[in-house]
């Protein structure tokens, strides 16, 4: 069951007539995806960009598809350039053609007042959102984090979607928070991205495992974005997982062919970022922005991923371009703040994050960055003020609570710290950062078993964490058997065998070798015999401690093995990069 393009065209025209310009952009963008960028539909998209004030984006779209030969397209491009006072480009575009300058300068941009929209939403946007096609009300709720993830999904479940609107319900769910959607998110995105009539196996290849240049060679721009958006995260069988989605009408289709759509790819990038796969998210957003530099839906994720990866040059160039073209945009100044954060110039970062919040008080990224910039300089009071404001403005977001907990922990207010962390965990149970902070807090409170549980949970929540932990134990066990039976021929082989081991595992090898009559040092071939018990016990006021006895033929062998064990504190970090990448892609 597929969407009727004529219905979408009528819907776009209806939205323009009702001055719902961002909604018109939303559906026009989906229309050209369904019709493979037919010239008439591209012109309609450019019209929606024009009426919504995205003038340069409209010109870029028309030029990208080579449609300037038609006078209608050139005239619309000229109107867009005139609206931004780029008269040199207007003259270059029109050449010797004679057009009325008054007519060219007659472009009027009609936009909804964002503050009025926010006020309406805060008074009860769910009432205005009874129509599932009112995308602006949906965006006001979701983009401003006014609802928790469970409330978002409950609201979507109450909307009267028709069976043929399944694609829209899936896209709305993909644009919601990812906190409670780990089980279904991959199935949703795959159904949106797959070509009609294809199977889930067609999505198995993940080009993000190869360099971006290699993944994007010899393909059309649409195929490039579609390939860059593929993901091979294991998930339940698609039909079963998709059919289990609550509130989604209809039955799973063979796909909707939206793998090249910027909104779908932006959802994929946000999902990768949520999973901690920052490099993959960055590669995907880079491919989106290379095709459409004004795709604002991917810009925040791109800037955040670049900051996580420390890509200062990219942040500088991107922020400079944004400020030059959109000097009154909060997102542009947020990009400048990200650059200074990556450069560790925190005072400058605070200045520009503050400017972004003044331009748009509903910019959640800027408020969080503002708090982080204070926290980096241990200014906990100011950081708390920023996080509290973010928590008040964005009650559905867990990150402000996490930041507040970290600030309280620096101030040694552990009760409030624990309360914030637990609230953040209740909202987003799959965030490894929250589990890690709870583990650190439990350790500070001398609750060592609880700390071990939380830290193990954090490790499992990392990308590929369970698989990496299982692989480490497997490789450590193989290494232990080889050292017990044959030892190591030289130090190079010994380093390879002990790489996946912990310090305790190496000392267990030494003990087992001594039981077999060998020196505990895997490099030593001397026999070992002991006259007294190998293990001694020492009593203290509160416990009985085991003291390791002699397992070595000499003091030199004992010192060497113990020094080697001291280097094996973090075995997970010593997995070879190729194995690490292989399991991250699994």
Protein backbone atom coordinates (compact mmCIF):
# COMPACT_ATOMS: atom_id res chain seq x y z
CA UNK A 1 0.00 0.00 0.00
CA UNK A 2 1.67 3.22 -1.18
CA UNK A 3 0.95 6.91 -0.98
CA UNK A 4 -0.88 8.61 -3.87
CA UNK A 5 1.31 11.49 -5.21
CA UNK A 6 -1.77 13.43 -6.30
CA UNK A 7 -3.02 13.39 -2.72
CA UNK A 8 0.29 14.79 -1.50
CA UNK A 9 0.25 17.55 -4.16
CA UNK A 10 -3.22 18.57 -3.03
CA UNK A 11 -2.10 18.49 0.59
CA UNK A 12 0.89 20.76 -0.16
CA UNK A 13 -1.28 23.26 -1.99
CA UNK A 14 -3.81 23.20 0.85
CA UNK A 15 -1.07 23.87 3.43
CA UNK A 16 0.24 26.81 1.39
CA UNK A 17 -3.28 28.22 1.13
CA UNK A 18 -3.62 27.96 4.92
CA UNK A 19 -0.18 29.58 5.46
CA UNK A 20 1.17 26.39 7.06
CA UNK A 21 4.48 26.80 5.30
CA UNK A 22 6.73 24.45 7.27
CA UNK A 23 4.06 21.75 6.92
CA UNK A 24 3.99 22.41 3.17
CA UNK A 25 7.79 22.00 3.06
CA UNK A 26 7.50 18.73 4.95
CA UNK A 27 5.02 17.14 2.54
CA UNK A 28 6.58 18.60 -0.63
CA UNK A 29 9.87 17.06 0.39
CA UNK A 30 8.19 13.66 0.66
CA UNK A 31 6.43 14.21 -2.67
CA UNK A 32 9.66 14.57 -4.67
CA UNK A 33 11.00 11.47 -2.94
CA UNK A 34 8.02 9.44 -4.11
CA UNK A 35 8.09 10.88 -7.66
CA UNK A 36 11.88 10.67 -8.08
CA UNK A 37 12.29 14.46 -8.34
CA UNK A 38 9.92 15.10 -11.24
CA UNK A 39 10.46 18.69 -12.52
CA UNK A 40 6.95 19.85 -11.65
CA UNK A 41 7.28 18.54 -8.11
CA UNK A 42 10.75 20.06 -7.71
CA UNK A 43 9.21 23.41 -8.65
CA UNK A 44 6.54 22.86 -5.98
CA UNK A 45 9.23 22.15 -3.37
CA UNK A 46 11.08 25.33 -4.40
CA UNK A 47 7.84 27.26 -3.96
CA UNK A 48 7.43 25.93 -0.43
CA UNK A 49 11.02 26.91 0.36
CA UNK A 50 10.31 30.39 -1.00
CA UNK A 51 7.17 31.01 1.04
CA UNK A 52 8.86 29.63 4.18
CA UNK A 53 11.80 32.02 3.82
CA UNK A 54 14.42 29.44 2.76
CA UNK A 55 15.46 31.42 -0.30
CA UNK A 56 19.00 30.19 -0.79
CA UNK A 57 17.87 26.63 -0.31
CA UNK A 58 15.31 27.08 -3.10
CA UNK A 59 17.96 28.43 -5.48
CA UNK A 60 20.32 25.58 -4.65
CA UNK A 61 17.56 23.03 -5.32
CA UNK A 62 16.72 24.49 -8.73
CA UNK A 63 20.36 24.69 -9.78
CA UNK A 64 21.14 21.21 -8.48
CA UNK A 65 18.52 19.65 -10.72
CA UNK A 66 19.49 21.69 -13.79
CA UNK A 67 16.09 23.26 -14.32
CA UNK A 68 17.14 26.83 -15.09
CA UNK A 69 16.30 26.54 -18.79
CA UNK A 70 12.61 26.91 -18.02
CA UNK A 71 11.66 30.55 -17.51
CA UNK A 72 9.39 29.64 -14.59
CA UNK A 73 12.30 28.16 -12.67
CA UNK A 74 14.64 31.07 -13.45
CA UNK A 75 12.00 33.56 -12.41
CA UNK A 76 11.45 31.79 -9.08
CA UNK A 77 15.22 31.63 -8.50
CA UNK A 78 15.48 35.35 -9.26
CA UNK A 79 12.70 36.11 -6.79
CA UNK A 80 14.57 34.13 -4.12
CA UNK A 81 17.84 35.96 -4.79
CA UNK A 82 16.07 39.31 -4.76
CA UNK A 83 14.58 38.48 -1.37
CA UNK A 84 18.11 38.20 0.09
CA UNK A 85 19.33 41.32 -1.79
CA UNK A 86 21.78 39.36 -3.94
CA UNK A 87 21.28 41.59 -7.00
CA UNK A 88 24.50 40.61 -8.73
CA UNK A 89 23.33 37.01 -8.82
CA UNK A 90 19.92 38.15 -10.06
CA UNK A 91 21.51 39.98 -13.00
CA UNK A 92 23.79 37.02 -13.76
CA UNK A 93 20.81 34.68 -13.70
CA UNK A 94 18.49 36.78 -15.86
CA UNK A 95 21.12 38.03 -18.30
CA UNK A 96 19.58 40.36 -20.89
CA UNK A 97 16.04 39.32 -20.08
CA UNK A 98 13.65 42.13 -19.37
CA UNK A 99 11.72 41.73 -16.17
CA UNK A 100 10.07 44.33 -14.00
CA UNK A 101 12.34 45.16 -11.03
CA UNK A 102 9.32 46.07 -8.93
CA UNK A 103 7.94 42.62 -9.62
CA UNK A 104 11.25 41.02 -8.61
CA UNK A 105 11.40 43.01 -5.36
CA UNK A 106 7.82 42.12 -4.49
CA UNK A 107 8.78 38.92 -2.60
CA UNK A 108 7.06 38.87 0.77
CA UNK A 109 7.98 36.24 3.35
CA UNK A 110 5.13 35.10 5.58
CA UNK A 111 6.20 33.05 8.61
CA UNK A 112 4.38 31.95 11.68
CA UNK A 113 5.40 33.72 14.86
CA UNK A 114 7.34 31.10 16.81
CA UNK A 115 6.54 32.57 20.25
CA UNK A 116 2.81 32.53 19.51
CA UNK A 117 3.12 28.94 18.35
CA UNK A 118 4.99 27.98 21.54
CA UNK A 119 2.36 29.66 23.70
CA UNK A 120 -0.37 27.79 21.85
CA UNK A 121 1.46 24.53 22.32
CA UNK A 122 1.99 25.10 26.02
CA UNK A 123 -1.74 25.76 26.43
CA UNK A 124 -2.53 22.35 24.97
CA UNK A 125 -1.11 21.43 21.59
CA UNK A 126 -2.62 17.97 21.82
CA UNK A 127 -5.99 19.56 21.05
CA UNK A 128 -4.62 21.25 17.92
CA UNK A 129 -2.79 18.05 17.04
CA UNK A 130 -5.97 16.04 16.60
CA UNK A 131 -5.24 16.22 12.87
CA UNK A 132 -2.24 13.92 12.20
CA UNK A 133 -1.34 15.99 9.12
CA UNK A 134 -0.65 19.11 11.20
CA UNK A 135 3.11 18.61 11.17
CA UNK A 136 3.89 22.01 12.71
CA UNK A 137 2.07 21.15 15.95
CA UNK A 138 3.91 17.84 16.06
CA UNK A 139 7.27 19.58 15.50
CA UNK A 140 6.52 22.15 18.21
CA UNK A 141 5.93 19.36 20.72
CA UNK A 142 8.82 17.10 19.72
CA UNK A 143 11.53 19.58 18.76
CA UNK A 144 11.04 21.51 22.00
CA UNK A 145 10.99 18.37 24.19
CA UNK A 146 7.74 19.32 25.91
CA UNK A 147 6.72 15.69 26.42
CA UNK A 148 8.54 12.65 27.71
CA UNK A 149 9.13 9.83 25.27
CA UNK A 150 6.26 7.79 26.69
CA UNK A 151 3.91 10.80 26.38
CA UNK A 152 5.04 11.37 22.78
CA UNK A 153 4.33 7.77 21.84
CA UNK A 154 0.98 7.83 23.65
CA UNK A 155 -0.02 10.98 21.77
CA UNK A 156 0.91 9.43 18.43
CA UNK A 157 -1.04 6.32 19.36
CA UNK A 158 -4.16 8.42 19.88
CA UNK A 159 -4.06 10.09 16.45
CA UNK A 160 -6.51 8.88 13.77
CA UNK A 161 -4.01 7.67 11.16
CA UNK A 162 -5.48 5.82 8.19
CA UNK A 163 -3.90 2.56 6.95
CA UNK A 164 -2.43 4.39 3.94
CA UNK A 165 -0.80 6.87 6.33
CA UNK A 166 1.43 4.22 7.89
CA UNK A 167 4.55 5.87 6.42
CA UNK A 168 3.71 9.11 8.24
CA UNK A 169 3.12 7.35 11.56
CA UNK A 170 6.48 5.58 11.21
CA UNK A 171 8.25 8.85 10.40
CA UNK A 172 6.63 10.65 13.33
CA UNK A 173 7.76 7.87 15.68
CA UNK A 174 11.30 7.99 14.27
CA UNK A 175 11.41 11.75 14.93
CA UNK A 176 10.41 11.28 18.58
CA UNK A 177 12.97 10.62 21.29
CA UNK A 178 14.75 7.29 21.12
CA UNK A 179 14.73 6.61 24.89
CA UNK A 180 12.07 3.87 24.88
CA UNK A 181 12.26 2.77 21.25
CA UNK A 182 15.40 0.62 21.19
CA UNK A 183 13.34 -2.47 20.38
CA UNK A 184 11.53 -1.00 17.38
CA UNK A 185 13.59 1.89 16.02
CA UNK A 186 15.63 -0.14 13.56
CA UNK A 187 12.53 -1.81 12.11
CA UNK A 188 10.84 1.58 11.68
CA UNK A 189 13.78 3.10 9.85
CA UNK A 190 14.27 0.04 7.65
CA UNK A 191 10.64 0.01 6.57
CA UNK A 192 10.87 3.69 5.64
CA UNK A 193 14.17 3.28 3.78
CA UNK A 194 13.60 0.04 1.90
CA UNK A 195 12.50 0.08 -1.69
CA UNK A 196 8.93 -1.20 -2.25
CA UNK A 197 8.85 -4.96 -2.57
CA UNK A 198 12.34 -5.50 -1.10
CA UNK A 199 13.19 -7.56 1.97
CA UNK A 200 15.01 -6.66 5.15
CA UNK A 201 18.09 -8.50 3.91
CA UNK A 202 18.62 -5.77 1.32
CA UNK A 203 19.60 -3.46 4.17
CA UNK A 204 22.38 -5.68 5.49
CA UNK A 205 25.33 -3.81 4.02
CA UNK A 206 26.68 -0.99 6.17
CA UNK A 207 28.90 1.35 4.14
CA UNK A 208 29.70 3.37 7.26
CA UNK A 209 32.25 0.66 8.01
CA UNK A 210 34.33 1.86 5.03
CA UNK A 211 35.70 5.33 4.27
CA UNK A 212 33.02 7.78 3.23
CA UNK A 213 34.69 8.38 -0.13
CA UNK A 214 34.63 4.69 -0.97
CA UNK A 215 31.02 4.29 0.17
CA UNK A 216 29.82 7.18 -1.99
CA UNK A 217 31.76 6.52 -5.19
CA UNK A 218 29.97 5.66 -8.42
CA UNK A 219 26.50 6.41 -7.12
CA UNK A 220 23.89 9.08 -7.68
CA UNK A 221 23.40 11.66 -4.93
CA UNK A 222 20.19 9.92 -3.88
CA UNK A 223 21.91 6.51 -3.77
CA UNK A 224 24.84 8.00 -1.85
CA UNK A 225 22.60 9.23 0.95
CA UNK A 226 20.63 6.01 0.96
CA UNK A 227 23.80 3.91 1.24
CA UNK A 228 25.26 6.15 3.92
CA UNK A 229 22.10 5.72 5.95
CA UNK A 230 22.14 1.92 6.03
CA UNK A 231 22.74 0.29 9.36
CA UNK A 232 23.29 -3.30 10.28
CA UNK A 233 22.44 -3.19 13.97
CA UNK A 234 20.92 -6.58 14.81
CA UNK A 235 17.18 -6.30 15.28
CA UNK A 236 14.22 -8.61 15.43
CA UNK A 237 12.78 -9.78 12.12
CA UNK A 238 11.40 -6.67 10.48
CA UNK A 239 7.84 -7.83 9.87
CA UNK A 240 7.44 -9.08 13.44
CA UNK A 241 8.99 -5.98 15.00
CA UNK A 242 7.10 -3.55 12.77
CA UNK A 243 3.78 -5.32 13.26
CA UNK A 244 4.20 -4.99 17.03
CA UNK A 245 4.41 -1.19 16.92
CA UNK A 246 1.56 0.26 18.98
CA UNK A 247 -0.43 3.03 17.36
CA UNK A 248 0.91 2.44 13.86
CA UNK A 249 -1.89 1.70 11.37
CA UNK A 250 -1.86 -0.88 8.61
CA UNK A 251 0.42 -3.86 8.13
CA UNK A 252 4.17 -3.76 7.38
CA UNK A 253 4.80 -3.02 3.71
CA UNK A 254 7.78 -3.97 1.59
CA UNK A 255 9.17 -0.49 2.18
CA UNK A 256 8.43 3.09 1.18
CA UNK A 257 11.62 3.91 -0.75
CA UNK A 258 12.49 6.93 1.41
CA UNK A 259 16.15 6.00 1.89
CA UNK A 260 17.28 9.23 0.24
CA UNK A 261 14.89 11.53 2.08
CA UNK A 262 16.73 14.05 4.32
CA UNK A 263 14.21 13.73 7.18
CA UNK A 264 14.56 9.94 7.26
CA UNK A 265 18.35 10.16 7.03
CA UNK A 266 18.37 12.77 9.82
CA UNK A 267 16.38 10.34 11.99
CA UNK A 268 18.94 7.64 11.19
CA UNK A 269 21.80 9.99 12.13
CA UNK A 270 20.08 10.94 15.39
CA UNK A 271 19.61 7.24 16.17
CA UNK A 272 23.31 6.55 15.53
CA UNK A 273 24.27 9.49 17.76
CA UNK A 274 21.95 8.21 20.48
CA UNK A 275 23.73 4.84 20.31
CA UNK A 276 27.11 6.54 20.75
CA UNK A 277 28.22 5.84 17.18
CA UNK A 278 29.46 9.36 16.66
CA UNK A 279 31.68 8.67 13.68
CA UNK A 280 28.85 6.95 11.79
CA UNK A 281 26.45 9.78 12.65
CA UNK A 282 29.00 12.35 11.47
CA UNK A 283 29.60 10.55 8.16
CA UNK A 284 25.87 10.36 7.52
CA UNK A 285 25.14 13.99 8.35
CA UNK A 286 28.12 15.03 6.23
CA UNK A 287 26.63 13.18 3.26
CA UNK A 288 23.27 14.89 3.85
CA UNK A 289 24.81 18.35 4.08
CA UNK A 290 27.02 17.76 1.04
CA UNK A 291 23.85 17.32 -1.02
CA UNK A 292 21.81 19.99 0.77
CA UNK A 293 23.92 22.43 2.85
CA UNK A 294 20.73 23.99 4.20
CA UNK A 295 19.20 20.76 5.57
CA UNK A 296 18.67 22.16 9.06
CA UNK A 297 17.13 18.93 10.35
CA UNK A 298 20.59 17.29 10.24
CA UNK A 299 22.62 20.29 11.36
CA UNK A 300 22.36 19.96 15.16
CA UNK A 301 23.34 16.29 15.08
CA UNK A 302 26.21 17.13 12.72
CA UNK A 303 27.57 19.84 15.02
CA UNK A 304 27.20 17.64 18.12
CA UNK A 305 28.93 14.68 16.45
CA UNK A 306 31.75 16.92 15.20
CA UNK A 307 32.20 18.24 18.75
CA UNK A 308 32.33 14.71 20.18
CA UNK A 309 34.98 13.77 17.60
CA UNK A 310 37.00 16.95 18.13
CA UNK A 311 36.74 18.08 14.48
CA UNK A 312 37.68 21.71 15.06
CA UNK A 313 38.28 22.58 11.40
CA UNK A 314 34.85 21.34 10.34
CA UNK A 315 33.19 23.21 13.20
CA UNK A 316 35.03 26.43 12.33
CA UNK A 317 34.12 26.29 8.64
CA UNK A 318 30.52 25.26 9.25
CA UNK A 319 29.95 27.88 11.97
CA UNK A 320 31.57 30.61 9.87
CA UNK A 321 29.28 29.83 6.93
CA UNK A 322 26.20 29.70 9.15
CA UNK A 323 26.92 33.04 10.80
CA UNK A 324 27.64 34.63 7.44
CA UNK A 325 24.36 33.47 5.89
CA UNK A 326 22.10 33.34 8.99
CA UNK A 327 23.41 35.96 11.46
CA UNK A 328 20.12 35.98 13.38
CA UNK A 329 19.88 32.18 13.68
CA UNK A 330 20.38 30.60 17.11
CA UNK A 331 21.67 27.46 15.41
CA UNK A 332 24.46 29.45 13.76
CA UNK A 333 25.74 30.80 17.08
CA UNK A 334 25.34 27.37 18.64
CA UNK A 335 27.80 26.16 15.99
CA UNK A 336 30.24 28.90 17.03
CA UNK A 337 29.92 27.78 20.65
CA UNK A 338 30.63 24.19 19.62
CA UNK A 339 33.83 25.31 17.90
CA UNK A 340 35.08 27.06 21.03
CA UNK A 341 34.12 24.06 23.17
CA UNK A 342 36.21 21.82 20.89
CA UNK A 343 39.06 24.35 21.19
CA UNK A 344 38.65 24.31 24.99
CA UNK A 345 38.07 28.06 25.07
CA UNK A 346 35.21 27.77 27.49
CA UNK A 347 34.64 31.45 28.26
CA UNK A 348 34.14 32.18 24.56
CA UNK A 349 31.91 29.11 24.27
CA UNK A 350 29.71 30.39 27.10
CA UNK A 351 29.41 33.75 25.39
CA UNK A 352 28.12 32.28 22.13
CA UNK A 353 25.90 29.66 23.75
CA UNK A 354 24.33 32.50 25.74
CA UNK A 355 23.75 34.46 22.52
CA UNK A 356 22.05 31.42 20.98
CA UNK A 357 19.71 31.12 23.97
CA UNK A 358 18.85 34.82 23.70
CA UNK A 359 17.96 34.45 20.02
CA UNK A 360 15.90 31.32 20.66
CA UNK A 361 15.06 30.41 24.23
CA UNK A 362 13.72 27.07 23.01
CA UNK A 363 17.08 25.88 21.65
CA UNK A 364 17.77 22.90 23.91
CA UNK A 365 21.25 22.25 22.49
CA UNK A 366 22.38 25.78 23.35
CA UNK A 367 21.14 25.55 26.95
CA UNK A 368 22.89 22.22 27.49
CA UNK A 369 26.09 23.55 25.91
CA UNK A 370 25.84 26.64 28.14
CA UNK A 371 25.76 24.44 31.22
CA UNK A 372 28.58 22.21 29.96
CA UNK A 373 30.81 25.24 29.37
CA UNK A 374 30.39 26.32 32.99
CA UNK A 375 30.92 22.75 34.22
CA UNK A 376 34.21 22.45 32.33
CA UNK A 377 35.58 25.27 34.49
CA UNK A 378 34.13 23.85 37.74
CA UNK A 379 31.66 26.74 38.07
CA UNK A 380 29.00 24.48 39.49
CA UNK A 381 26.52 27.16 40.61
CA UNK A 382 26.28 28.70 37.15
CA UNK A 383 26.18 25.27 35.54
CA UNK A 384 23.30 24.30 37.83
CA UNK A 385 21.40 27.46 36.88
CA UNK A 386 21.73 26.63 33.17
CA UNK A 387 20.73 22.98 33.69
CA UNK A 388 17.75 23.96 35.85
CA UNK A 389 16.52 26.34 33.16
CA UNK A 390 16.90 23.60 30.56
CA UNK A 391 15.03 21.13 32.77
CA UNK A 392 12.18 23.64 33.16
CA UNK A 393 11.98 24.49 29.45
CA UNK A 394 12.42 20.92 28.21
CA UNK A 395 10.74 18.60 30.71
CA UNK A 396 10.99 15.63 28.37
CA UNK A 397 14.80 15.76 28.12
CA UNK A 398 17.00 13.72 30.47
CA UNK A 399 20.32 15.48 29.74
CA UNK A 400 19.68 18.49 32.06
CA UNK A 401 19.03 16.08 34.94
CA UNK A 402 22.29 14.28 34.18
CA UNK A 403 24.16 17.59 34.18
CA UNK A 404 22.53 18.64 37.44
CA UNK A 405 23.55 15.36 39.05
CA UNK A 406 27.17 15.81 37.97
CA UNK A 407 27.18 19.36 39.36
CA UNK A 408 25.73 18.20 42.69
CA UNK A 409 28.35 15.45 42.83
CA UNK A 410 31.16 18.00 42.44
CA UNK A 411 29.56 19.94 45.30
CA UNK A 412 29.40 16.74 47.43
CA UNK A 413 25.60 16.96 47.67
CA UNK A 414 25.25 13.23 47.06
CA UNK A 415 21.55 12.93 48.01
CA UNK A 416 20.40 15.40 45.36
CA UNK A 417 22.95 13.95 42.99
CA UNK A 418 21.46 10.46 43.32
CA UNK A 419 17.92 11.81 42.92
CA UNK A 420 18.83 13.54 39.64
CA UNK A 421 20.65 10.50 38.28
CA UNK A 422 17.75 8.18 39.10
CA UNK A 423 15.25 10.52 37.43
CA UNK A 424 17.48 10.68 34.36
CA UNK A 425 17.72 6.88 34.32
CA UNK A 426 13.96 6.54 34.60
CA UNK A 427 13.54 8.76 31.54
CA UNK A 428 16.36 7.22 29.49
CA UNK A 429 17.26 3.74 30.79
CA UNK A 430 19.60 2.98 27.86
CA UNK A 431 22.07 5.85 28.31
CA UNK A 432 25.49 4.44 29.35
CA UNK A 433 26.52 7.86 30.72
CA UNK A 434 23.74 7.73 33.31
CA UNK A 435 24.64 4.17 34.34
CA UNK A 436 28.30 5.18 34.59
CA UNK A 437 27.54 8.16 36.85
CA UNK A 438 25.35 5.99 39.08
CA UNK A 439 28.24 3.53 39.33
CA UNK A 440 30.68 6.29 40.30
CA UNK A 441 28.22 7.59 42.89
CA UNK A 442 27.74 4.11 44.37
CA UNK A 443 31.52 3.70 44.58
CA UNK A 444 31.84 7.00 46.44
CA UNK A 445 29.18 5.75 48.86
CA UNK A 446 31.20 2.52 49.38
CA UNK A 447 28.41 0.46 47.81
CA UNK A 448 30.85 -1.62 45.81
CA UNK A 449 28.48 -4.34 44.59
CA UNK A 450 26.01 -1.74 43.33
CA UNK A 451 28.88 0.17 41.71
CA UNK A 452 30.05 -2.94 39.91
CA UNK A 453 26.51 -3.60 38.71
CA UNK A 454 26.02 -0.08 37.36
CA UNK A 455 29.43 0.04 35.69
CA UNK A 456 28.86 -3.36 34.09
CA UNK A 457 25.52 -2.08 32.85
CA UNK A 458 27.23 1.01 31.39
CA UNK A 459 29.73 -1.20 29.59
CA UNK A 460 26.94 -3.32 28.12
CA UNK A 461 25.11 -0.22 26.90
CA UNK A 462 28.11 1.03 24.95
CA UNK A 463 28.04 0.34 21.17
CA UNK A 464 28.81 -3.35 20.84
CA UNK A 465 29.46 -3.58 24.59
CA UNK A 466 28.07 -7.07 25.16
CA UNK A 467 29.79 -8.50 22.10
CA UNK A 468 33.10 -6.86 23.02
CA UNK A 469 32.93 -8.19 26.59
CA UNK A 470 32.15 -11.68 25.31
CA UNK A 471 35.00 -11.49 22.79
CA UNK A 472 37.43 -10.31 25.47
CA UNK A 473 36.59 -13.23 27.74
CA UNK A 474 36.94 -15.69 24.86
CA UNK A 475 40.35 -14.35 23.84
CA UNK A 476 41.50 -14.17 27.46
CA UNK A 477 40.52 -17.82 28.02
CA UNK A 478 42.43 -18.92 24.92
CA UNK A 479 45.48 -16.95 26.04
CA UNK A 480 45.33 -18.45 29.54
CA UNK A 481 45.26 -22.00 28.14
CA UNK A 482 48.27 -21.32 25.91
CA UNK A 483 50.26 -19.81 28.75
CA UNK A 484 49.40 -22.72 31.04
CA UNK A 485 50.42 -25.35 28.52
CA UNK A 486 53.30 -23.85 26.57
CA UNK A 487 54.15 -20.48 28.09
CA UNK A 488 55.38 -17.73 25.77
CA UNK A 489 58.36 -17.89 23.43
CA UNK A 490 59.27 -14.20 23.81
CA UNK A 491 57.96 -10.96 25.22
CA UNK A 492 56.18 -10.04 21.96
CA UNK A 493 54.11 -13.22 22.03
CA UNK A 494 53.48 -12.74 25.75
CA UNK A 495 52.12 -9.22 25.15
CA UNK A 496 49.76 -10.55 22.49
CA UNK A 497 48.45 -13.32 24.74
CA UNK A 498 47.91 -11.15 27.83
CA UNK A 499 46.35 -8.21 25.91
CA UNK A 500 42.73 -9.28 26.59
CA UNK A 501 43.43 -10.39 30.19
CA UNK A 502 42.89 -8.60 33.47
CA UNK A 503 45.54 -8.46 36.17
CA UNK A 504 43.69 -11.09 38.23
CA UNK A 505 43.55 -13.46 35.26
CA UNK A 506 47.31 -13.24 34.72
CA UNK A 507 48.00 -13.91 38.42
CA UNK A 508 45.65 -16.91 38.21
CA UNK A 509 47.76 -18.21 35.33
CA UNK A 510 50.89 -17.84 37.47
CA UNK A 511 49.22 -19.73 40.31
CA UNK A 512 48.03 -22.56 38.04
CA UNK A 513 51.50 -22.86 36.46
CA UNK A 514 53.05 -23.25 39.91
CA UNK A 515 50.55 -26.02 40.72
CA UNK A 516 51.72 -27.81 37.57
CA UNK A 517 55.33 -27.57 38.70
CA UNK A 518 56.28 -24.65 36.45
CA UNK A 519 57.49 -21.16 37.30
CA UNK A 520 54.62 -18.68 37.40
CA UNK A 521 56.42 -16.44 34.90
CA UNK A 522 55.14 -17.52 31.44
CA UNK A 523 58.52 -16.64 29.90
CA UNK A 524 60.46 -18.85 32.31
CA UNK A 525 61.01 -22.55 31.56
CA UNK A 526 62.45 -23.43 35.00
CA UNK A 527 60.61 -25.96 37.15
CA UNK A 528 59.02 -24.85 40.39
CA UNK A 529 58.61 -26.67 43.67
CA UNK A 530 57.26 -25.21 46.88
CA UNK A 531 57.78 -26.30 50.46
CA UNK A 532 55.12 -24.21 52.23
CA UNK A 533 51.50 -23.42 51.44
CA UNK A 534 51.22 -21.09 48.45
CA UNK A 535 48.39 -19.08 49.96
CA UNK A 536 48.51 -17.39 53.33
CA UNK A 537 45.83 -15.44 55.17
CA UNK A 538 46.14 -12.28 57.23
CA UNK A 539 43.47 -11.15 59.68
CA UNK A 540 42.52 -7.50 60.13
CA UNK A 541 39.97 -5.73 62.29
CA UNK A 542 37.13 -6.15 59.80
CA UNK A 543 38.09 -8.94 57.41
CA UNK A 544 40.39 -11.81 56.50
CA UNK A 545 42.65 -11.09 53.52
CA UNK A 546 44.29 -13.62 51.24
CA UNK A 547 48.03 -13.05 50.74
CA UNK A 548 49.56 -14.53 47.60
CA UNK A 549 52.41 -16.90 48.30
CA UNK A 550 55.47 -17.61 46.18
CA UNK A 551 54.70 -18.97 42.68
CA UNK A 552 58.02 -18.22 41.03
CA UNK A 553 61.47 -19.70 40.79
CA UNK A 554 63.19 -16.39 41.56
CA UNK A 555 62.55 -12.85 42.73
CA UNK A 556 63.23 -11.58 39.20
CA UNK A 557 60.40 -13.74 37.77
CA UNK A 558 58.06 -12.58 40.55
CA UNK A 559 58.84 -8.89 39.95
CA UNK A 560 58.45 -9.26 36.17
CA UNK A 561 55.05 -10.99 36.39
CA UNK A 562 53.67 -8.62 39.00
CA UNK A 563 54.80 -5.57 36.99
CA UNK A 564 53.12 -7.03 33.90
CA UNK A 565 49.90 -7.64 35.85
CA UNK A 566 49.90 -4.02 37.02
CA UNK A 567 49.62 -2.94 33.37
CA UNK A 568 46.46 -5.00 32.77
CA UNK A 569 43.95 -2.87 34.69
CA UNK A 570 41.61 -2.06 31.74
CA UNK A 571 41.48 -5.10 29.45
CA UNK A 572 38.62 -3.77 27.28
CA UNK A 573 40.76 -0.88 26.03
CA UNK A 574 43.42 -3.26 24.68
CA UNK A 575 41.28 -5.08 22.14
CA UNK A 576 42.82 -4.70 18.72
CA UNK A 577 41.22 -1.91 16.61
CA UNK A 578 40.21 -4.33 13.86
CA UNK A 579 38.39 -6.57 16.33
CA UNK A 580 36.83 -3.51 17.96
CA UNK A 581 35.53 -2.22 14.64
CA UNK A 582 34.31 -5.66 13.62
CA UNK A 583 32.21 -5.99 16.73
CA UNK A 584 30.95 -2.42 16.57
CA UNK A 585 29.62 -3.21 13.08
CA UNK A 586 28.06 -6.51 14.13
